[in-house]
Amino acid sequence: MFKLLVRALLVIEGCLLLGSVANAQSFVLELPRPSQHAVVTQRVGITDVTINYHRPVVNKRKVWGGLVPYGQVWRAGANENTFIQFTDPVTIEDKPLPKGTYGLHMIPGENEWTVIFSKNSTAWGSFTYNQAEDALRVTVKPQTSEFHEALTYDFDDVKPDSSVVTLRWEKVAVPFKVGVNTHEIVEQNLHYQLRGLAQYSWEGWDDAANYLLQEKIALDEALQYSDKSIQNESRYDNFMTKSQVLDALNRKEEATTARDKASSTCDLVMKLS
């Protein structure tokens, strides 16, 4: 009799618990959630870095070493897997990581954190995390931060070829640096772009040549782009671009010739107008 009574009490408790969960959050309907969904994207060069996550709140709780235990794999957010996407290859704390979408997990510590990029980006939180699926692990140092009630991810110290991703929650900040080989990626990308409609305009080739010139990279290729621009349409602009590329290549006489052609092209336009 006693066993039956205990069993009945457990069933009632379970039903009450399920009822409270159902009232707070539905797994069937689209309803507001305590940890709200957020997406943040930063472009570095022409590479997009996107973090998709949910934002738990402190709600007067002890977070570190309490709600989030030290030394255990954590989903770095709430609800579904936090994931991070890179549209091109990157480095994380100077370690290479191929382009793709990764589950983002962390192992908090009082003095050191492990940031994990998992090949599995569709799990529910970190409950089924498997270290064998790691694409990369890095260790970073936590920092003190102003109080943040809701967990947030920021992109700090944005540069042409890098940015620092920082998780901030409660009074802790956890940064990790994302590096991008912008020059190499843009050079490769230009080859694809200039096989599309851009190849039929003088502007596309001229813009490509100017980018390489300004960045002082691949100047021989910049010269080829200038010539293709001129082939499409002779303009003052692309002859001047060509002259500047030739100057950068220390081909001074040819640079002077290109500038003369730019001037004559400009004079011809003035007469026709």
C-alpha atoms as a PDB file:
ATOM      1  CA  MET A   1       0.000   0.000   0.000  1.00  0.00           C
ATOM      2  CA  PHE A   2       2.821   2.360   0.939  1.00  0.00           C
ATOM      3  CA  LYS A   3       4.582   1.639  -2.377  1.00  0.00           C
ATOM      4  CA  LEU A   4       1.431   2.414  -4.338  1.00  0.00           C
ATOM      5  CA  LEU A   5       1.034   5.707  -2.466  1.00  0.00           C
ATOM      6  CA  VAL A   6       4.662   6.710  -3.211  1.00  0.00           C
ATOM      7  CA  ARG A   7       4.202   5.808  -6.868  1.00  0.00           C
ATOM      8  CA  ALA A   8       1.042   7.891  -7.093  1.00  0.00           C
ATOM      9  CA  LEU A   9       2.785  10.869  -5.525  1.00  0.00           C
ATOM     10  CA  LEU A  10       5.661  10.579  -8.006  1.00  0.00           C
ATOM     11  CA  VAL A  11       3.243  10.481 -10.941  1.00  0.00           C
ATOM     12  CA  ILE A  12       1.417  13.577  -9.641  1.00  0.00           C
ATOM     13  CA  GLU A  13       4.740  15.420  -9.152  1.00  0.00           C
ATOM     14  CA  GLY A  14       5.838  14.487 -12.660  1.00  0.00           C
ATOM     15  CA  CYS A  15       2.583  15.744 -14.143  1.00  0.00           C
ATOM     16  CA  LEU A  16       2.882  19.031 -12.257  1.00  0.00           C
ATOM     17  CA  LEU A  17       6.460  19.431 -13.463  1.00  0.00           C
ATOM     18  CA  LEU A  18       5.503  18.778 -17.076  1.00  0.00           C
ATOM     19  CA  GLY A  19       2.634  21.194 -16.720  1.00  0.00           C
ATOM     20  CA  SER A  20       4.927  23.976 -15.481  1.00  0.00           C
ATOM     21  CA  VAL A  21       7.341  23.345 -18.381  1.00  0.00           C
ATOM     22  CA  ALA A  22       4.478  23.374 -20.870  1.00  0.00           C
ATOM     23  CA  ASN A  23       3.248  26.709 -19.543  1.00  0.00           C
ATOM     24  CA  ALA A  24       6.706  28.247 -19.790  1.00  0.00           C
ATOM     25  CA  GLN A  25       7.782  26.920 -23.171  1.00  0.00           C
ATOM     26  CA  SER A  26       6.145  24.958 -25.985  1.00  0.00           C
ATOM     27  CA  PHE A  27       7.936  22.442 -28.150  1.00  0.00           C
ATOM     28  CA  VAL A  28       5.051  22.490 -30.630  1.00  0.00           C
ATOM     29  CA  LEU A  29       4.006  26.142 -30.956  1.00  0.00           C
ATOM     30  CA  GLU A  30       5.891  29.319 -31.763  1.00  0.00           C
ATOM     31  CA  LEU A  31       5.732  31.158 -28.433  1.00  0.00           C
ATOM     32  CA  PRO A  32       8.001  33.638 -26.620  1.00  0.00           C
ATOM     33  CA  ARG A  33      10.900  31.931 -24.884  1.00  0.00           C
ATOM     34  CA  PRO A  34      12.718  32.996 -21.727  1.00  0.00           C
ATOM     35  CA  SER A  35      16.051  32.764 -23.607  1.00  0.00           C
ATOM     36  CA  GLN A  36      15.355  34.738 -26.754  1.00  0.00           C
ATOM     37  CA  HIS A  37      16.806  33.954 -30.161  1.00  0.00           C
ATOM     38  CA  ALA A  38      19.502  36.198 -31.667  1.00  0.00           C
ATOM     39  CA  VAL A  39      21.666  36.247 -34.772  1.00  0.00           C
ATOM     40  CA  VAL A  40      24.689  38.490 -35.237  1.00  0.00           C
ATOM     41  CA  THR A  41      26.861  38.800 -38.353  1.00  0.00           C
ATOM     42  CA  GLN A  42      30.118  40.622 -38.993  1.00  0.00           C
ATOM     43  CA  ARG A  43      31.812  40.949 -42.379  1.00  0.00           C
ATOM     44  CA  VAL A  44      35.616  40.802 -42.314  1.00  0.00           C
ATOM     45  CA  GLY A  45      36.914  41.720 -45.756  1.00  0.00           C
ATOM     46  CA  ILE A  46      34.348  39.810 -47.829  1.00  0.00           C
ATOM     47  CA  THR A  47      34.016  36.951 -45.315  1.00  0.00           C
ATOM     48  CA  ASP A  48      30.859  36.744 -43.223  1.00  0.00           C
ATOM     49  CA  VAL A  49      31.003  35.419 -39.659  1.00  0.00           C
ATOM     50  CA  THR A  50      27.558  34.612 -38.231  1.00  0.00           C
ATOM     51  CA  ILE A  51      26.631  33.449 -34.731  1.00  0.00           C
ATOM     52  CA  ASN A  52      23.172  31.984 -34.155  1.00  0.00           C
ATOM     53  CA  TYR A  53      22.306  31.598 -30.471  1.00  0.00           C
ATOM     54  CA  HIS A  54      19.800  32.019 -27.654  1.00  0.00           C
ATOM     55  CA  ARG A  55      20.239  34.530 -24.825  1.00  0.00           C
ATOM     56  CA  PRO A  56      19.761  33.227 -21.295  1.00  0.00           C
ATOM     57  CA  VAL A  57      19.384  35.835 -18.539  1.00  0.00           C
ATOM     58  CA  VAL A  58      21.009  35.989 -15.117  1.00  0.00           C
ATOM     59  CA  ASN A  59      17.701  36.448 -13.274  1.00  0.00           C
ATOM     60  CA  LYS A  60      19.445  36.872  -9.887  1.00  0.00           C
ATOM     61  CA  ARG A  61      21.147  33.476 -10.202  1.00  0.00           C
ATOM     62  CA  LYS A  62      24.768  32.514  -9.665  1.00  0.00           C
ATOM     63  CA  VAL A  63      25.944  31.866 -13.215  1.00  0.00           C
ATOM     64  CA  TRP A  64      29.595  30.796 -13.200  1.00  0.00           C
ATOM     65  CA  GLY A  65      30.269  27.795 -11.050  1.00  0.00           C
ATOM     66  CA  GLY A  66      26.520  27.528 -10.430  1.00  0.00           C
ATOM     67  CA  LEU A  67      24.046  27.567 -13.306  1.00  0.00           C
ATOM     68  CA  VAL A  68      27.010  26.952 -15.624  1.00  0.00           C
ATOM     69  CA  PRO A  69      29.445  24.578 -13.856  1.00  0.00           C
ATOM     70  CA  TYR A  70      33.185  24.934 -14.276  1.00  0.00           C
ATOM     71  CA  GLY A  71      34.975  22.151 -16.135  1.00  0.00           C
ATOM     72  CA  GLN A  72      31.930  20.901 -18.073  1.00  0.00           C
ATOM     73  CA  VAL A  73      31.015  21.320 -21.744  1.00  0.00           C
ATOM     74  CA  TRP A  74      28.425  24.080 -22.112  1.00  0.00           C
ATOM     75  CA  ARG A  75      26.321  25.056 -25.130  1.00  0.00           C
ATOM     76  CA  ALA A  76      27.559  28.677 -24.979  1.00  0.00           C
ATOM     77  CA  GLY A  77      23.988  29.909 -24.983  1.00  0.00           C
ATOM     78  CA  ALA A  78      20.629  28.239 -24.349  1.00  0.00           C
ATOM     79  CA  ASN A  79      18.084  25.927 -26.000  1.00  0.00           C
ATOM     80  CA  GLU A  80      19.318  24.564 -29.343  1.00  0.00           C
ATOM     81  CA  ASN A  81      22.956  24.323 -30.316  1.00  0.00           C
ATOM     82  CA  THR A  82      24.723  27.662 -30.582  1.00  0.00           C
ATOM     83  CA  PHE A  83      26.393  27.641 -33.991  1.00  0.00           C
ATOM     84  CA  ILE A  84      28.899  29.794 -35.827  1.00  0.00           C
ATOM     85  CA  GLN A  85      29.296  30.008 -39.587  1.00  0.00           C
ATOM     86  CA  PHE A  86      32.246  31.151 -41.710  1.00  0.00           C
ATOM     87  CA  THR A  87      31.815  31.743 -45.447  1.00  0.00           C
ATOM     88  CA  ASP A  88      35.557  31.329 -46.045  1.00  0.00           C
ATOM     89  CA  PRO A  89      38.460  29.614 -44.297  1.00  0.00           C
ATOM     90  CA  VAL A  90      39.557  31.426 -41.140  1.00  0.00           C
ATOM     91  CA  THR A  91      41.966  31.131 -38.258  1.00  0.00           C
ATOM     92  CA  ILE A  92      40.864  30.979 -34.630  1.00  0.00           C
ATOM     93  CA  GLU A  93      43.588  32.206 -32.297  1.00  0.00           C
ATOM     94  CA  ASP A  94      45.995  31.625 -35.239  1.00  0.00           C
ATOM     95  CA  LYS A  95      44.833  28.015 -35.751  1.00  0.00           C
ATOM     96  CA  PRO A  96      43.294  27.167 -39.165  1.00  0.00           C
ATOM     97  CA  LEU A  97      39.614  26.279 -39.511  1.00  0.00           C
ATOM     98  CA  PRO A  98      37.930  25.492 -42.869  1.00  0.00           C
ATOM     99  CA  LYS A  99      34.856  27.408 -43.959  1.00  0.00           C
ATOM    100  CA  GLY A 100      31.572  25.918 -42.758  1.00  0.00           C
ATOM    101  CA  THR A 101      29.052  25.830 -39.933  1.00  0.00           C
ATOM    102  CA  TYR A 102      30.126  24.598 -36.506  1.00  0.00           C
ATOM    103  CA  GLY A 103      28.474  23.884 -33.196  1.00  0.00           C
ATOM    104  CA  LEU A 104      29.948  26.294 -30.664  1.00  0.00           C
ATOM    105  CA  HIS A 105      30.630  24.863 -27.219  1.00  0.00           C
ATOM    106  CA  MET A 106      32.764  26.064 -24.337  1.00  0.00           C
ATOM    107  CA  ILE A 107      34.288  24.639 -21.190  1.00  0.00           C
ATOM    108  CA  PRO A 108      34.339  27.415 -18.584  1.00  0.00           C
ATOM    109  CA  GLY A 109      37.117  27.690 -16.021  1.00  0.00           C
ATOM    110  CA  GLU A 110      37.985  30.243 -13.400  1.00  0.00           C
ATOM    111  CA  ASN A 111      41.274  31.134 -15.140  1.00  0.00           C
ATOM    112  CA  GLU A 112      41.027  29.512 -18.586  1.00  0.00           C
ATOM    113  CA  TRP A 113      38.265  28.587 -21.021  1.00  0.00           C
ATOM    114  CA  THR A 114      38.226  26.068 -23.849  1.00  0.00           C
ATOM    115  CA  VAL A 115      36.349  27.132 -26.990  1.00  0.00           C
ATOM    116  CA  ILE A 116      35.199  24.206 -29.120  1.00  0.00           C
ATOM    117  CA  PHE A 117      34.138  24.181 -32.769  1.00  0.00           C
ATOM    118  CA  SER A 118      32.202  20.975 -33.439  1.00  0.00           C
ATOM    119  CA  LYS A 119      31.413  19.518 -36.864  1.00  0.00           C
ATOM    120  CA  ASN A 120      27.948  18.759 -35.472  1.00  0.00           C
ATOM    121  CA  SER A 121      25.977  22.015 -35.532  1.00  0.00           C
ATOM    122  CA  THR A 122      22.445  20.609 -35.208  1.00  0.00           C
ATOM    123  CA  ALA A 123      22.453  19.069 -31.723  1.00  0.00           C
ATOM    124  CA  TRP A 124      20.220  20.229 -28.863  1.00  0.00           C
ATOM    125  CA  GLY A 125      22.613  22.068 -26.615  1.00  0.00           C
ATOM    126  CA  SER A 126      25.662  20.131 -25.432  1.00  0.00           C
ATOM    127  CA  PHE A 127      23.824  17.059 -24.130  1.00  0.00           C
ATOM    128  CA  THR A 128      25.009  14.828 -27.003  1.00  0.00           C
ATOM    129  CA  TYR A 129      28.352  16.571 -27.513  1.00  0.00           C
ATOM    130  CA  ASN A 130      31.041  14.175 -28.759  1.00  0.00           C
ATOM    131  CA  GLN A 131      34.698  15.222 -28.632  1.00  0.00           C
ATOM    132  CA  ALA A 132      35.409  13.007 -31.646  1.00  0.00           C
ATOM    133  CA  GLU A 133      33.413  15.521 -33.720  1.00  0.00           C
ATOM    134  CA  ASP A 134      35.678  18.442 -32.773  1.00  0.00           C
ATOM    135  CA  ALA A 135      37.027  20.430 -35.718  1.00  0.00           C
ATOM    136  CA  LEU A 136      39.102  22.665 -33.440  1.00  0.00           C
ATOM    137  CA  ARG A 137      39.727  23.533 -29.797  1.00  0.00           C
ATOM    138  CA  VAL A 138      41.456  26.649 -28.502  1.00  0.00           C
ATOM    139  CA  THR A 139      42.104  27.926 -25.004  1.00  0.00           C
ATOM    140  CA  VAL A 140      41.550  31.565 -24.058  1.00  0.00           C
ATOM    141  CA  LYS A 141      41.617  33.713 -20.932  1.00  0.00           C
ATOM    142  CA  PRO A 142      38.363  35.102 -19.477  1.00  0.00           C
ATOM    143  CA  GLN A 143      38.172  38.786 -18.650  1.00  0.00           C
ATOM    144  CA  THR A 144      36.081  40.858 -16.284  1.00  0.00           C
ATOM    145  CA  SER A 145      33.234  42.777 -17.894  1.00  0.00           C
ATOM    146  CA  GLU A 146      30.463  45.208 -17.085  1.00  0.00           C
ATOM    147  CA  PHE A 147      27.334  43.393 -15.978  1.00  0.00           C
ATOM    148  CA  HIS A 148      25.212  41.896 -18.774  1.00  0.00           C
ATOM    149  CA  GLU A 149      21.835  40.516 -17.741  1.00  0.00           C
ATOM    150  CA  ALA A 150      21.364  38.665 -21.045  1.00  0.00           C
ATOM    151  CA  LEU A 151      24.142  36.681 -22.710  1.00  0.00           C
ATOM    152  CA  THR A 152      25.449  38.427 -25.802  1.00  0.00           C
ATOM    153  CA  TYR A 153      28.041  37.959 -28.542  1.00  0.00           C
ATOM    154  CA  ASP A 154      29.890  41.008 -29.844  1.00  0.00           C
ATOM    155  CA  PHE A 155      32.432  41.607 -32.593  1.00  0.00           C
ATOM    156  CA  ASP A 156      35.205  43.778 -31.185  1.00  0.00           C
ATOM    157  CA  ASP A 157      38.355  45.295 -32.685  1.00  0.00           C
ATOM    158  CA  VAL A 158      37.140  44.914 -36.267  1.00  0.00           C
ATOM    159  CA  LYS A 159      39.977  45.173 -38.824  1.00  0.00           C
ATOM    160  CA  PRO A 160      40.256  44.425 -42.570  1.00  0.00           C
ATOM    161  CA  ASP A 161      41.518  40.927 -41.818  1.00  0.00           C
ATOM    162  CA  SER A 162      40.327  40.067 -38.295  1.00  0.00           C
ATOM    163  CA  SER A 163      37.842  40.599 -35.500  1.00  0.00           C
ATOM    164  CA  VAL A 164      37.525  39.459 -31.916  1.00  0.00           C
ATOM    165  CA  VAL A 165      34.375  37.530 -31.041  1.00  0.00           C
ATOM    166  CA  THR A 166      33.468  38.127 -27.399  1.00  0.00           C
ATOM    167  CA  LEU A 167      30.879  36.302 -25.327  1.00  0.00           C
ATOM    168  CA  ARG A 168      29.644  38.512 -22.493  1.00  0.00           C
ATOM    169  CA  TRP A 169      27.370  37.395 -19.688  1.00  0.00           C
ATOM    170  CA  GLU A 170      27.026  38.421 -16.062  1.00  0.00           C
ATOM    171  CA  LYS A 171      30.450  39.988 -15.304  1.00  0.00           C
ATOM    172  CA  VAL A 172      32.577  37.731 -17.528  1.00  0.00           C
ATOM    173  CA  ALA A 173      33.849  38.270 -21.078  1.00  0.00           C
ATOM    174  CA  VAL A 174      35.373  35.475 -23.160  1.00  0.00           C
ATOM    175  CA  PRO A 175      37.156  36.659 -26.343  1.00  0.00           C
ATOM    176  CA  PHE A 176      38.602  34.685 -29.243  1.00  0.00           C
ATOM    177  CA  LYS A 177      40.212  36.148 -32.356  1.00  0.00           C
ATOM    178  CA  VAL A 178      38.974  35.291 -35.852  1.00  0.00           C
ATOM    179  CA  GLY A 179      41.538  35.916 -38.601  1.00  0.00           C
ATOM    180  CA  VAL A 180      40.865  36.057 -42.342  1.00  0.00           C
ATOM    181  CA  ASN A 181      43.369  36.012 -45.218  1.00  0.00           C
ATOM    182  CA  THR A 182      41.464  38.811 -46.923  1.00  0.00           C
ATOM    183  CA  HIS A 183      43.920  39.415 -49.755  1.00  0.00           C
ATOM    184  CA  GLU A 184      44.017  35.782 -50.821  1.00  0.00           C
ATOM    185  CA  ILE A 185      40.247  35.372 -50.548  1.00  0.00           C
ATOM    186  CA  VAL A 186      39.529  38.538 -52.555  1.00  0.00           C
ATOM    187  CA  GLU A 187      42.038  37.578 -55.266  1.00  0.00           C
ATOM    188  CA  GLN A 188      40.381  34.186 -55.669  1.00  0.00           C
ATOM    189  CA  ASN A 189      36.909  35.688 -55.522  1.00  0.00           C
ATOM    190  CA  LEU A 190      37.727  38.216 -58.243  1.00  0.00           C
ATOM    191  CA  HIS A 191      38.417  35.338 -60.631  1.00  0.00           C
ATOM    192  CA  TYR A 192      34.847  34.107 -60.110  1.00  0.00           C
ATOM    193  CA  GLN A 193      33.236  37.539 -60.204  1.00  0.00           C
ATOM    194  CA  LEU A 194      34.980  38.452 -63.442  1.00  0.00           C
ATOM    195  CA  ARG A 195      33.524  35.396 -65.151  1.00  0.00           C
ATOM    196  CA  GLY A 196      30.027  36.824 -64.628  1.00  0.00           C
ATOM    197  CA  LEU A 197      28.370  39.942 -66.019  1.00  0.00           C
ATOM    198  CA  ALA A 198      31.183  42.097 -64.633  1.00  0.00           C
ATOM    199  CA  GLN A 199      33.499  40.804 -67.367  1.00  0.00           C
ATOM    200  CA  TYR A 200      31.534  42.747 -70.001  1.00  0.00           C
ATOM    201  CA  SER A 201      31.990  46.177 -68.403  1.00  0.00           C
ATOM    202  CA  TRP A 202      35.109  48.301 -68.170  1.00  0.00           C
ATOM    203  CA  GLU A 203      34.245  49.155 -64.548  1.00  0.00           C
ATOM    204  CA  GLY A 204      34.522  45.594 -63.239  1.00  0.00           C
ATOM    205  CA  TRP A 205      38.056  45.056 -64.519  1.00  0.00           C
ATOM    206  CA  ASP A 206      39.081  48.572 -63.482  1.00  0.00           C
ATOM    207  CA  ASP A 207      37.702  48.125 -59.955  1.00  0.00           C
ATOM    208  CA  ALA A 208      39.601  44.834 -59.625  1.00  0.00           C
ATOM    209  CA  ALA A 209      42.830  46.441 -60.830  1.00  0.00           C
ATOM    210  CA  ASN A 210      42.393  49.355 -58.419  1.00  0.00           C
ATOM    211  CA  TYR A 211      41.835  47.041 -55.455  1.00  0.00           C
ATOM    212  CA  LEU A 212      45.052  45.124 -56.161  1.00  0.00           C
ATOM    213  CA  LEU A 213      46.894  48.393 -56.727  1.00  0.00           C
ATOM    214  CA  GLN A 214      45.698  49.972 -53.470  1.00  0.00           C
ATOM    215  CA  GLU A 215      46.577  46.843 -51.511  1.00  0.00           C
ATOM    216  CA  LYS A 216      49.943  46.577 -53.323  1.00  0.00           C
ATOM    217  CA  ILE A 217      49.428  42.914 -54.199  1.00  0.00           C
ATOM    218  CA  ALA A 218      49.425  40.882 -57.439  1.00  0.00           C
ATOM    219  CA  LEU A 219      50.442  43.897 -59.540  1.00  0.00           C
ATOM    220  CA  ASP A 220      51.047  41.825 -62.676  1.00  0.00           C
ATOM    221  CA  GLU A 221      47.453  40.638 -62.436  1.00  0.00           C
ATOM    222  CA  ALA A 222      46.316  44.217 -61.833  1.00  0.00           C
ATOM    223  CA  LEU A 223      47.981  45.171 -65.111  1.00  0.00           C
ATOM    224  CA  GLN A 224      46.115  42.394 -66.924  1.00  0.00           C
ATOM    225  CA  TYR A 225      42.862  43.644 -65.454  1.00  0.00           C
ATOM    226  CA  SER A 226      43.626  47.178 -66.615  1.00  0.00           C
ATOM    227  CA  ASP A 227      44.246  45.954 -70.158  1.00  0.00           C
ATOM    228  CA  LYS A 228      40.967  44.014 -70.178  1.00  0.00           C
ATOM    229  CA  SER A 229      39.130  47.108 -68.951  1.00  0.00           C
ATOM    230  CA  ILE A 230      40.631  49.152 -71.800  1.00  0.00           C
ATOM    231  CA  GLN A 231      39.708  46.428 -74.300  1.00  0.00           C
ATOM    232  CA  ASN A 232      36.078  46.706 -73.205  1.00  0.00           C
ATOM    233  CA  GLU A 233      36.076  50.509 -73.405  1.00  0.00           C
ATOM    234  CA  SER A 234      38.903  53.042 -73.531  1.00  0.00           C
ATOM    235  CA  ARG A 235      38.416  55.520 -70.718  1.00  0.00           C
ATOM    236  CA  TYR A 236      40.451  58.170 -68.969  1.00  0.00           C
ATOM    237  CA  ASP A 237      39.909  56.211 -65.739  1.00  0.00           C
ATOM    238  CA  ASN A 238      41.307  52.859 -66.859  1.00  0.00           C
ATOM    239  CA  PHE A 239      44.277  54.373 -68.662  1.00  0.00           C
ATOM    240  CA  MET A 240      45.123  56.237 -65.453  1.00  0.00           C
ATOM    241  CA  THR A 241      44.743  53.022 -63.473  1.00  0.00           C
ATOM    242  CA  LYS A 242      47.090  51.317 -65.889  1.00  0.00           C
ATOM    243  CA  SER A 243      49.642  54.128 -65.564  1.00  0.00           C
ATOM    244  CA  GLN A 244      49.557  53.842 -61.753  1.00  0.00           C
ATOM    245  CA  VAL A 245      50.026  50.068 -61.901  1.00  0.00           C
ATOM    246  CA  LEU A 246      52.989  50.506 -64.263  1.00  0.00           C
ATOM    247  CA  ASP A 247      54.462  53.099 -61.891  1.00  0.00           C
ATOM    248  CA  ALA A 248      54.126  50.603 -59.046  1.00  0.00           C
ATOM    249  CA  LEU A 249      55.930  48.041 -61.204  1.00  0.00           C
ATOM    250  CA  ASN A 250      58.672  50.641 -61.819  1.00  0.00           C
ATOM    251  CA  ARG A 251      57.938  50.641 -65.574  1.00  0.00           C
ATOM    252  CA  LYS A 252      58.112  54.429 -65.813  1.00  0.00           C
ATOM    253  CA  GLU A 253      58.205  54.921 -69.603  1.00  0.00           C
ATOM    254  CA  GLU A 254      55.170  52.717 -70.133  1.00  0.00           C
ATOM    255  CA  ALA A 255      53.432  54.548 -67.289  1.00  0.00           C
ATOM    256  CA  THR A 256      54.024  57.872 -69.056  1.00  0.00           C
ATOM    257  CA  THR A 257      52.611  56.452 -72.293  1.00  0.00           C
ATOM    258  CA  ALA A 258      49.467  55.277 -70.462  1.00  0.00           C
ATOM    259  CA  ARG A 259      49.016  58.725 -68.885  1.00  0.00           C
ATOM    260  CA  ASP A 260      49.353  60.365 -72.306  1.00  0.00           C
ATOM    261  CA  LYS A 261      46.654  58.042 -73.638  1.00  0.00           C
ATOM    262  CA  ALA A 262      44.458  58.966 -70.671  1.00  0.00           C
ATOM    263  CA  SER A 263      44.864  62.651 -71.514  1.00  0.00           C
ATOM    264  CA  SER A 264      44.164  62.127 -75.217  1.00  0.00           C
ATOM    265  CA  THR A 265      41.080  60.064 -74.357  1.00  0.00           C
ATOM    266  CA  CYS A 266      39.858  62.861 -72.092  1.00  0.00           C
ATOM    267  CA  ASP A 267      40.513  65.483 -74.840  1.00  0.00           C
ATOM    268  CA  LEU A 268      38.546  63.402 -77.351  1.00  0.00           C
ATOM    269  CA  VAL A 269      35.593  63.145 -75.018  1.00  0.00           C
ATOM    270  CA  MET A 270      35.667  66.922 -74.432  1.00  0.00           C
ATOM    271  CA  LYS A 271      35.624  67.590 -78.202  1.00  0.00           C
ATOM    272  CA  LEU A 272      32.746  65.191 -78.803  1.00  0.00           C
ATOM    273  CA  SER A 273      30.729  66.769 -76.020  1.00  0.00           C
END
